[in-house]
Amino acid sequence: MKYKFNPNELTEEKSLWDIYKKAFIIFPSKLQIAIVFTVVILLGINAFVLETNIATLLSDVRGWASFGFHFAITTLGFLIAGFTIFATLTKPDMMLAMMDHTKREYNLPTLKYNFFVFIKVFISYIFFAVVY
């Protein structure tokens, strides 16, 4: 099958920094942003209005930080395993067809869009693991 894309586009990004710069244009949906802001506001209300005992608040923050770290590391392991399975078991013809199809919203090939989203998720989980 003849594909319309330039084969050099497959390896256009030479470093993780190049991938990050291109992946930066992919924004979360409005629902994701609304959920994050709602959770931040509710946690802020809980911390600054409802809880008056600083020792209890500090203990809760430490407990949640420990839970968050373990959750981020465990989830990162599952994501890496799932990504490995996806990348190795997917037929090359399907990947080339995904490269040939353009995601119009971001003007990226669908293959690159999918891999960039994976990379953004990996970076997010690594970031949160470091923060926790």
N, C-alpha and C. Protein backbone atom coordinates (compact mmCIF):
# COMPACT_ATOMS: atom_id res chain seq x y z
N MET A 1 0.84 -1.18 0.00
CA MET A 1 0.00 0.00 0.00
C MET A 1 0.88 1.24 0.00
N LYS A 2 0.52 2.20 -0.80
CA LYS A 2 1.28 3.45 -0.92
C LYS A 2 0.73 4.47 0.08
N TYR A 3 1.63 5.01 0.89
CA TYR A 3 1.25 6.01 1.88
C TYR A 3 1.63 7.39 1.38
N LYS A 4 0.87 8.40 1.84
CA LYS A 4 1.07 9.77 1.36
C LYS A 4 2.04 10.58 2.20
N PHE A 5 2.43 10.10 3.38
CA PHE A 5 3.28 10.90 4.24
C PHE A 5 4.75 10.74 3.86
N ASN A 6 5.54 11.72 4.23
CA ASN A 6 6.98 11.68 4.01
C ASN A 6 7.61 10.76 5.06
N PRO A 7 8.36 9.73 4.66
CA PRO A 7 8.95 8.80 5.64
C PRO A 7 9.86 9.49 6.66
N ASN A 8 10.44 10.62 6.31
CA ASN A 8 11.30 11.34 7.25
C ASN A 8 10.51 11.91 8.43
N GLU A 9 9.19 12.06 8.27
CA GLU A 9 8.35 12.57 9.36
C GLU A 9 8.28 11.60 10.53
N LEU A 10 8.51 10.31 10.26
CA LEU A 10 8.44 9.31 11.34
C LEU A 10 9.49 9.57 12.41
N THR A 11 10.67 9.99 11.99
CA THR A 11 11.78 10.21 12.94
C THR A 11 12.17 11.68 12.99
N GLU A 12 11.22 12.55 12.82
CA GLU A 12 11.48 13.99 12.79
C GLU A 12 11.96 14.50 14.14
N GLU A 13 11.39 14.00 15.24
CA GLU A 13 11.78 14.41 16.58
C GLU A 13 12.99 13.58 17.01
N LYS A 14 14.06 14.26 17.35
CA LYS A 14 15.32 13.58 17.67
C LYS A 14 15.58 13.46 19.16
N SER A 15 14.83 14.17 20.00
CA SER A 15 15.06 14.12 21.44
C SER A 15 13.72 14.21 22.17
N LEU A 16 13.75 13.92 23.46
CA LEU A 16 12.54 14.05 24.27
C LEU A 16 12.07 15.50 24.34
N TRP A 17 13.01 16.44 24.26
CA TRP A 17 12.65 17.85 24.26
C TRP A 17 11.84 18.20 23.01
N ASP A 18 12.24 17.67 21.85
CA ASP A 18 11.48 17.90 20.62
C ASP A 18 10.07 17.33 20.74
N ILE A 19 9.96 16.15 21.33
CA ILE A 19 8.65 15.53 21.52
C ILE A 19 7.81 16.37 22.47
N TYR A 20 8.41 16.83 23.56
CA TYR A 20 7.67 17.63 24.54
C TYR A 20 7.16 18.93 23.91
N LYS A 21 8.00 19.57 23.09
CA LYS A 21 7.57 20.83 22.45
C LYS A 21 6.37 20.59 21.55
N LYS A 22 6.39 19.50 20.80
CA LYS A 22 5.26 19.22 19.91
C LYS A 22 4.04 18.75 20.68
N ALA A 23 4.25 18.02 21.78
CA ALA A 23 3.14 17.52 22.57
C ALA A 23 2.50 18.63 23.38
N PHE A 24 3.19 19.73 23.58
CA PHE A 24 2.68 20.82 24.40
C PHE A 24 1.41 21.44 23.82
N ILE A 25 1.20 21.31 22.51
CA ILE A 25 0.01 21.92 21.89
C ILE A 25 -1.26 21.12 22.16
N ILE A 26 -1.12 19.90 22.70
CA ILE A 26 -2.30 19.07 22.98
C ILE A 26 -2.81 19.44 24.37
N PHE A 27 -3.98 20.06 24.41
CA PHE A 27 -4.55 20.55 25.66
C PHE A 27 -5.58 19.57 26.20
N PRO A 28 -5.77 19.56 27.52
CA PRO A 28 -6.84 18.72 28.09
C PRO A 28 -8.21 19.28 27.73
N SER A 29 -9.20 18.42 27.84
CA SER A 29 -10.56 18.86 27.52
C SER A 29 -11.09 19.81 28.60
N LYS A 30 -12.16 20.50 28.28
CA LYS A 30 -12.77 21.43 29.24
C LYS A 30 -13.29 20.69 30.46
N LEU A 31 -13.77 19.46 30.27
CA LEU A 31 -14.25 18.67 31.40
C LEU A 31 -13.10 18.35 32.36
N GLN A 32 -11.94 17.96 31.82
CA GLN A 32 -10.79 17.67 32.68
C GLN A 32 -10.37 18.90 33.48
N ILE A 33 -10.34 20.04 32.83
CA ILE A 33 -9.96 21.28 33.51
C ILE A 33 -10.98 21.62 34.60
N ALA A 34 -12.27 21.46 34.29
CA ALA A 34 -13.31 21.76 35.27
C ALA A 34 -13.20 20.84 36.48
N ILE A 35 -12.93 19.56 36.26
CA ILE A 35 -12.80 18.62 37.37
C ILE A 35 -11.61 18.99 38.25
N VAL A 36 -10.47 19.32 37.64
CA VAL A 36 -9.28 19.69 38.41
C VAL A 36 -9.55 20.93 39.25
N PHE A 37 -10.14 21.96 38.67
CA PHE A 37 -10.42 23.18 39.42
C PHE A 37 -11.43 22.94 40.54
N THR A 38 -12.43 22.10 40.28
CA THR A 38 -13.41 21.78 41.32
C THR A 38 -12.75 21.07 42.50
N VAL A 39 -11.88 20.10 42.20
CA VAL A 39 -11.18 19.38 43.27
C VAL A 39 -10.27 20.32 44.04
N VAL A 40 -9.55 21.19 43.35
CA VAL A 40 -8.66 22.14 44.02
C VAL A 40 -9.46 23.06 44.94
N ILE A 41 -10.58 23.56 44.46
CA ILE A 41 -11.41 24.45 45.28
C ILE A 41 -11.96 23.71 46.51
N LEU A 42 -12.46 22.49 46.31
CA LEU A 42 -13.00 21.72 47.44
C LEU A 42 -11.91 21.37 48.46
N LEU A 43 -10.73 21.01 47.99
CA LEU A 43 -9.63 20.72 48.92
C LEU A 43 -9.17 21.98 49.64
N GLY A 44 -9.18 23.10 48.94
CA GLY A 44 -8.83 24.37 49.58
C GLY A 44 -9.83 24.75 50.66
N ILE A 45 -11.11 24.57 50.37
CA ILE A 45 -12.14 24.84 51.37
C ILE A 45 -11.96 23.93 52.58
N ASN A 46 -11.67 22.65 52.31
CA ASN A 46 -11.46 21.71 53.41
C ASN A 46 -10.25 22.11 54.26
N ALA A 47 -9.17 22.53 53.61
CA ALA A 47 -7.95 22.83 54.35
C ALA A 47 -8.03 24.16 55.09
N PHE A 48 -8.63 25.18 54.48
CA PHE A 48 -8.57 26.52 55.06
C PHE A 48 -9.83 26.93 55.83
N VAL A 49 -10.95 26.25 55.60
CA VAL A 49 -12.19 26.65 56.25
C VAL A 49 -12.68 25.59 57.25
N LEU A 50 -12.73 24.34 56.80
CA LEU A 50 -13.36 23.31 57.63
C LEU A 50 -12.43 22.74 58.71
N GLU A 51 -11.16 22.67 58.42
CA GLU A 51 -10.22 22.07 59.37
C GLU A 51 -9.48 23.16 60.13
N THR A 52 -9.63 23.18 61.44
CA THR A 52 -8.98 24.21 62.24
C THR A 52 -7.73 23.70 62.94
N ASN A 53 -7.62 22.40 63.14
CA ASN A 53 -6.48 21.83 63.83
C ASN A 53 -5.34 21.60 62.83
N ILE A 54 -4.25 22.33 62.98
CA ILE A 54 -3.12 22.25 62.06
C ILE A 54 -2.45 20.87 62.11
N ALA A 55 -2.38 20.27 63.28
CA ALA A 55 -1.74 18.96 63.42
C ALA A 55 -2.50 17.90 62.62
N THR A 56 -3.82 17.95 62.68
CA THR A 56 -4.63 17.00 61.90
C THR A 56 -4.44 17.23 60.41
N LEU A 57 -4.44 18.48 60.00
CA LEU A 57 -4.24 18.83 58.59
C LEU A 57 -2.87 18.34 58.10
N LEU A 58 -1.84 18.56 58.89
CA LEU A 58 -0.49 18.13 58.53
C LEU A 58 -0.42 16.61 58.42
N SER A 59 -1.03 15.92 59.35
CA SER A 59 -1.06 14.45 59.32
C SER A 59 -1.79 13.94 58.08
N ASP A 60 -2.92 14.58 57.75
CA ASP A 60 -3.68 14.19 56.56
C ASP A 60 -2.88 14.44 55.29
N VAL A 61 -2.21 15.58 55.20
CA VAL A 61 -1.41 15.90 54.02
C VAL A 61 -0.29 14.88 53.83
N ARG A 62 0.37 14.51 54.92
CA ARG A 62 1.44 13.51 54.84
C ARG A 62 0.90 12.16 54.40
N GLY A 63 -0.26 11.78 54.92
CA GLY A 63 -0.87 10.51 54.52
C GLY A 63 -1.26 10.49 53.06
N TRP A 64 -1.88 11.60 52.60
CA TRP A 64 -2.27 11.68 51.20
C TRP A 64 -1.06 11.75 50.28
N ALA A 65 0.01 12.41 50.71
CA ALA A 65 1.22 12.47 49.90
C ALA A 65 1.83 11.09 49.73
N SER A 66 1.84 10.30 50.80
CA SER A 66 2.36 8.93 50.72
C SER A 66 1.49 8.10 49.78
N PHE A 67 0.17 8.22 49.94
CA PHE A 67 -0.75 7.49 49.06
C PHE A 67 -0.57 7.93 47.61
N GLY A 68 -0.43 9.23 47.38
CA GLY A 68 -0.27 9.75 46.02
C GLY A 68 1.01 9.26 45.38
N PHE A 69 2.11 9.22 46.15
CA PHE A 69 3.37 8.73 45.60
C PHE A 69 3.25 7.27 45.18
N HIS A 70 2.69 6.44 46.05
CA HIS A 70 2.55 5.02 45.72
C HIS A 70 1.61 4.82 44.53
N PHE A 71 0.53 5.60 44.50
CA PHE A 71 -0.41 5.50 43.39
C PHE A 71 0.25 5.90 42.07
N ALA A 72 1.01 7.01 42.09
CA ALA A 72 1.67 7.49 40.86
C ALA A 72 2.69 6.47 40.36
N ILE A 73 3.50 5.91 41.24
CA ILE A 73 4.52 4.95 40.82
C ILE A 73 3.88 3.67 40.30
N THR A 74 2.85 3.17 40.99
CA THR A 74 2.17 1.95 40.55
C THR A 74 1.49 2.17 39.20
N THR A 75 0.79 3.28 39.07
CA THR A 75 0.11 3.57 37.80
C THR A 75 1.12 3.76 36.68
N LEU A 76 2.24 4.38 36.96
CA LEU A 76 3.29 4.54 35.95
C LEU A 76 3.79 3.19 35.46
N GLY A 77 3.95 2.24 36.36
CA GLY A 77 4.36 0.89 35.96
C GLY A 77 3.35 0.25 35.02
N PHE A 78 2.05 0.37 35.35
CA PHE A 78 1.01 -0.18 34.47
C PHE A 78 0.98 0.53 33.12
N LEU A 79 1.17 1.84 33.13
CA LEU A 79 1.17 2.59 31.87
C LEU A 79 2.33 2.18 30.97
N ILE A 80 3.50 1.99 31.57
CA ILE A 80 4.66 1.58 30.78
C ILE A 80 4.43 0.18 30.21
N ALA A 81 3.86 -0.72 31.02
CA ALA A 81 3.58 -2.07 30.53
C ALA A 81 2.55 -2.02 29.41
N GLY A 82 1.49 -1.24 29.59
CA GLY A 82 0.46 -1.13 28.55
C GLY A 82 1.00 -0.50 27.28
N PHE A 83 1.84 0.52 27.43
CA PHE A 83 2.44 1.16 26.26
C PHE A 83 3.33 0.19 25.52
N THR A 84 4.10 -0.60 26.26
CA THR A 84 4.97 -1.59 25.63
C THR A 84 4.16 -2.62 24.85
N ILE A 85 3.09 -3.09 25.44
CA ILE A 85 2.23 -4.06 24.74
C ILE A 85 1.62 -3.42 23.50
N PHE A 86 1.11 -2.20 23.63
CA PHE A 86 0.52 -1.51 22.48
C PHE A 86 1.54 -1.31 21.36
N ALA A 87 2.73 -0.85 21.72
CA ALA A 87 3.73 -0.53 20.70
C ALA A 87 4.30 -1.78 20.03
N THR A 88 4.37 -2.90 20.74
CA THR A 88 4.98 -4.09 20.14
C THR A 88 3.98 -4.98 19.43
N LEU A 89 2.73 -5.00 19.87
CA LEU A 89 1.76 -5.90 19.25
C LEU A 89 0.96 -5.26 18.13
N THR A 90 1.02 -3.96 18.00
CA THR A 90 0.29 -3.29 16.94
C THR A 90 0.97 -3.59 15.60
N LYS A 91 0.16 -3.92 14.63
CA LYS A 91 0.72 -4.26 13.31
C LYS A 91 1.34 -3.02 12.67
N PRO A 92 2.49 -3.17 12.03
CA PRO A 92 3.14 -2.03 11.38
C PRO A 92 2.26 -1.34 10.34
N ASP A 93 1.44 -2.13 9.62
CA ASP A 93 0.56 -1.52 8.62
C ASP A 93 -0.44 -0.56 9.27
N MET A 94 -0.93 -0.93 10.45
CA MET A 94 -1.86 -0.04 11.14
C MET A 94 -1.16 1.23 11.60
N MET A 95 0.07 1.10 12.08
CA MET A 95 0.81 2.29 12.51
C MET A 95 1.10 3.21 11.33
N LEU A 96 1.44 2.63 10.19
CA LEU A 96 1.69 3.46 9.01
C LEU A 96 0.40 4.12 8.54
N ALA A 97 -0.72 3.40 8.64
CA ALA A 97 -2.01 4.01 8.28
C ALA A 97 -2.35 5.14 9.24
N MET A 98 -2.02 4.97 10.54
CA MET A 98 -2.25 6.04 11.51
C MET A 98 -1.35 7.24 11.19
N MET A 99 -0.16 6.99 10.71
CA MET A 99 0.75 8.08 10.33
C MET A 99 0.21 8.82 9.11
N ASP A 100 -0.49 8.09 8.26
CA ASP A 100 -1.05 8.68 7.04
C ASP A 100 -2.30 9.52 7.32
N HIS A 101 -2.98 9.23 8.42
CA HIS A 101 -4.20 9.97 8.79
C HIS A 101 -3.82 11.15 9.68
N THR A 102 -4.37 12.32 9.39
CA THR A 102 -4.05 13.53 10.15
C THR A 102 -5.16 13.85 11.14
N LYS A 103 -4.77 14.14 12.36
CA LYS A 103 -5.70 14.63 13.38
C LYS A 103 -5.85 16.13 13.13
N ARG A 104 -6.94 16.52 12.52
CA ARG A 104 -7.12 17.90 12.04
C ARG A 104 -7.07 18.93 13.16
N GLU A 105 -7.56 18.56 14.32
CA GLU A 105 -7.63 19.49 15.44
C GLU A 105 -6.25 20.03 15.83
N TYR A 106 -5.22 19.19 15.70
CA TYR A 106 -3.87 19.59 16.08
C TYR A 106 -2.90 19.59 14.91
N ASN A 107 -3.36 19.23 13.74
CA ASN A 107 -2.53 19.17 12.54
C ASN A 107 -1.32 18.24 12.77
N LEU A 108 -1.60 17.10 13.38
CA LEU A 108 -0.59 16.08 13.64
C LEU A 108 -1.05 14.75 13.06
N PRO A 109 -0.13 13.92 12.61
CA PRO A 109 -0.53 12.56 12.24
C PRO A 109 -1.11 11.85 13.47
N THR A 110 -2.10 11.00 13.27
CA THR A 110 -2.76 10.32 14.37
C THR A 110 -1.78 9.48 15.18
N LEU A 111 -0.83 8.85 14.54
CA LEU A 111 0.17 8.06 15.25
C LEU A 111 0.96 8.93 16.23
N LYS A 112 1.43 10.07 15.75
CA LYS A 112 2.18 10.97 16.62
C LYS A 112 1.29 11.53 17.73
N TYR A 113 0.05 11.85 17.40
CA TYR A 113 -0.88 12.35 18.42
C TYR A 113 -1.02 11.33 19.55
N ASN A 114 -1.24 10.06 19.19
CA ASN A 114 -1.41 9.02 20.21
C ASN A 114 -0.15 8.86 21.07
N PHE A 115 1.01 8.84 20.43
CA PHE A 115 2.25 8.69 21.19
C PHE A 115 2.55 9.94 22.02
N PHE A 116 2.23 11.11 21.52
CA PHE A 116 2.46 12.34 22.28
C PHE A 116 1.57 12.37 23.53
N VAL A 117 0.33 11.90 23.40
CA VAL A 117 -0.55 11.85 24.56
C VAL A 117 0.01 10.88 25.59
N PHE A 118 0.52 9.74 25.14
CA PHE A 118 1.18 8.80 26.07
C PHE A 118 2.33 9.49 26.79
N ILE A 119 3.16 10.20 26.06
CA ILE A 119 4.31 10.87 26.65
C ILE A 119 3.86 11.92 27.68
N LYS A 120 2.80 12.68 27.35
CA LYS A 120 2.31 13.68 28.31
C LYS A 120 1.82 13.03 29.59
N VAL A 121 1.17 11.89 29.48
CA VAL A 121 0.70 11.18 30.67
C VAL A 121 1.89 10.68 31.49
N PHE A 122 2.90 10.11 30.81
CA PHE A 122 4.10 9.66 31.53
C PHE A 122 4.76 10.82 32.27
N ILE A 123 4.93 11.94 31.59
CA ILE A 123 5.56 13.10 32.21
C ILE A 123 4.74 13.58 33.41
N SER A 124 3.42 13.58 33.28
CA SER A 124 2.56 14.02 34.39
C SER A 124 2.74 13.12 35.60
N TYR A 125 2.73 11.81 35.39
CA TYR A 125 2.87 10.89 36.52
C TYR A 125 4.25 10.98 37.15
N ILE A 126 5.28 11.16 36.34
CA ILE A 126 6.62 11.33 36.90
C ILE A 126 6.69 12.63 37.70
N PHE A 127 6.09 13.69 37.17
CA PHE A 127 6.07 14.98 37.88
C PHE A 127 5.37 14.84 39.23
N PHE A 128 4.19 14.20 39.23
CA PHE A 128 3.45 14.07 40.48
C PHE A 128 4.16 13.16 41.48
N ALA A 129 4.85 12.13 40.98
CA ALA A 129 5.62 11.27 41.88
C ALA A 129 6.74 12.08 42.55
N VAL A 130 7.38 12.96 41.81
CA VAL A 130 8.43 13.81 42.38
C VAL A 130 7.84 14.79 43.38
N VAL A 131 6.69 15.37 43.06
CA VAL A 131 6.04 16.32 43.97
C VAL A 131 5.63 15.63 45.27
N TYR A 132 5.06 14.43 45.16
CA TYR A 132 4.64 13.72 46.36
C TYR A 132 5.83 13.32 47.19
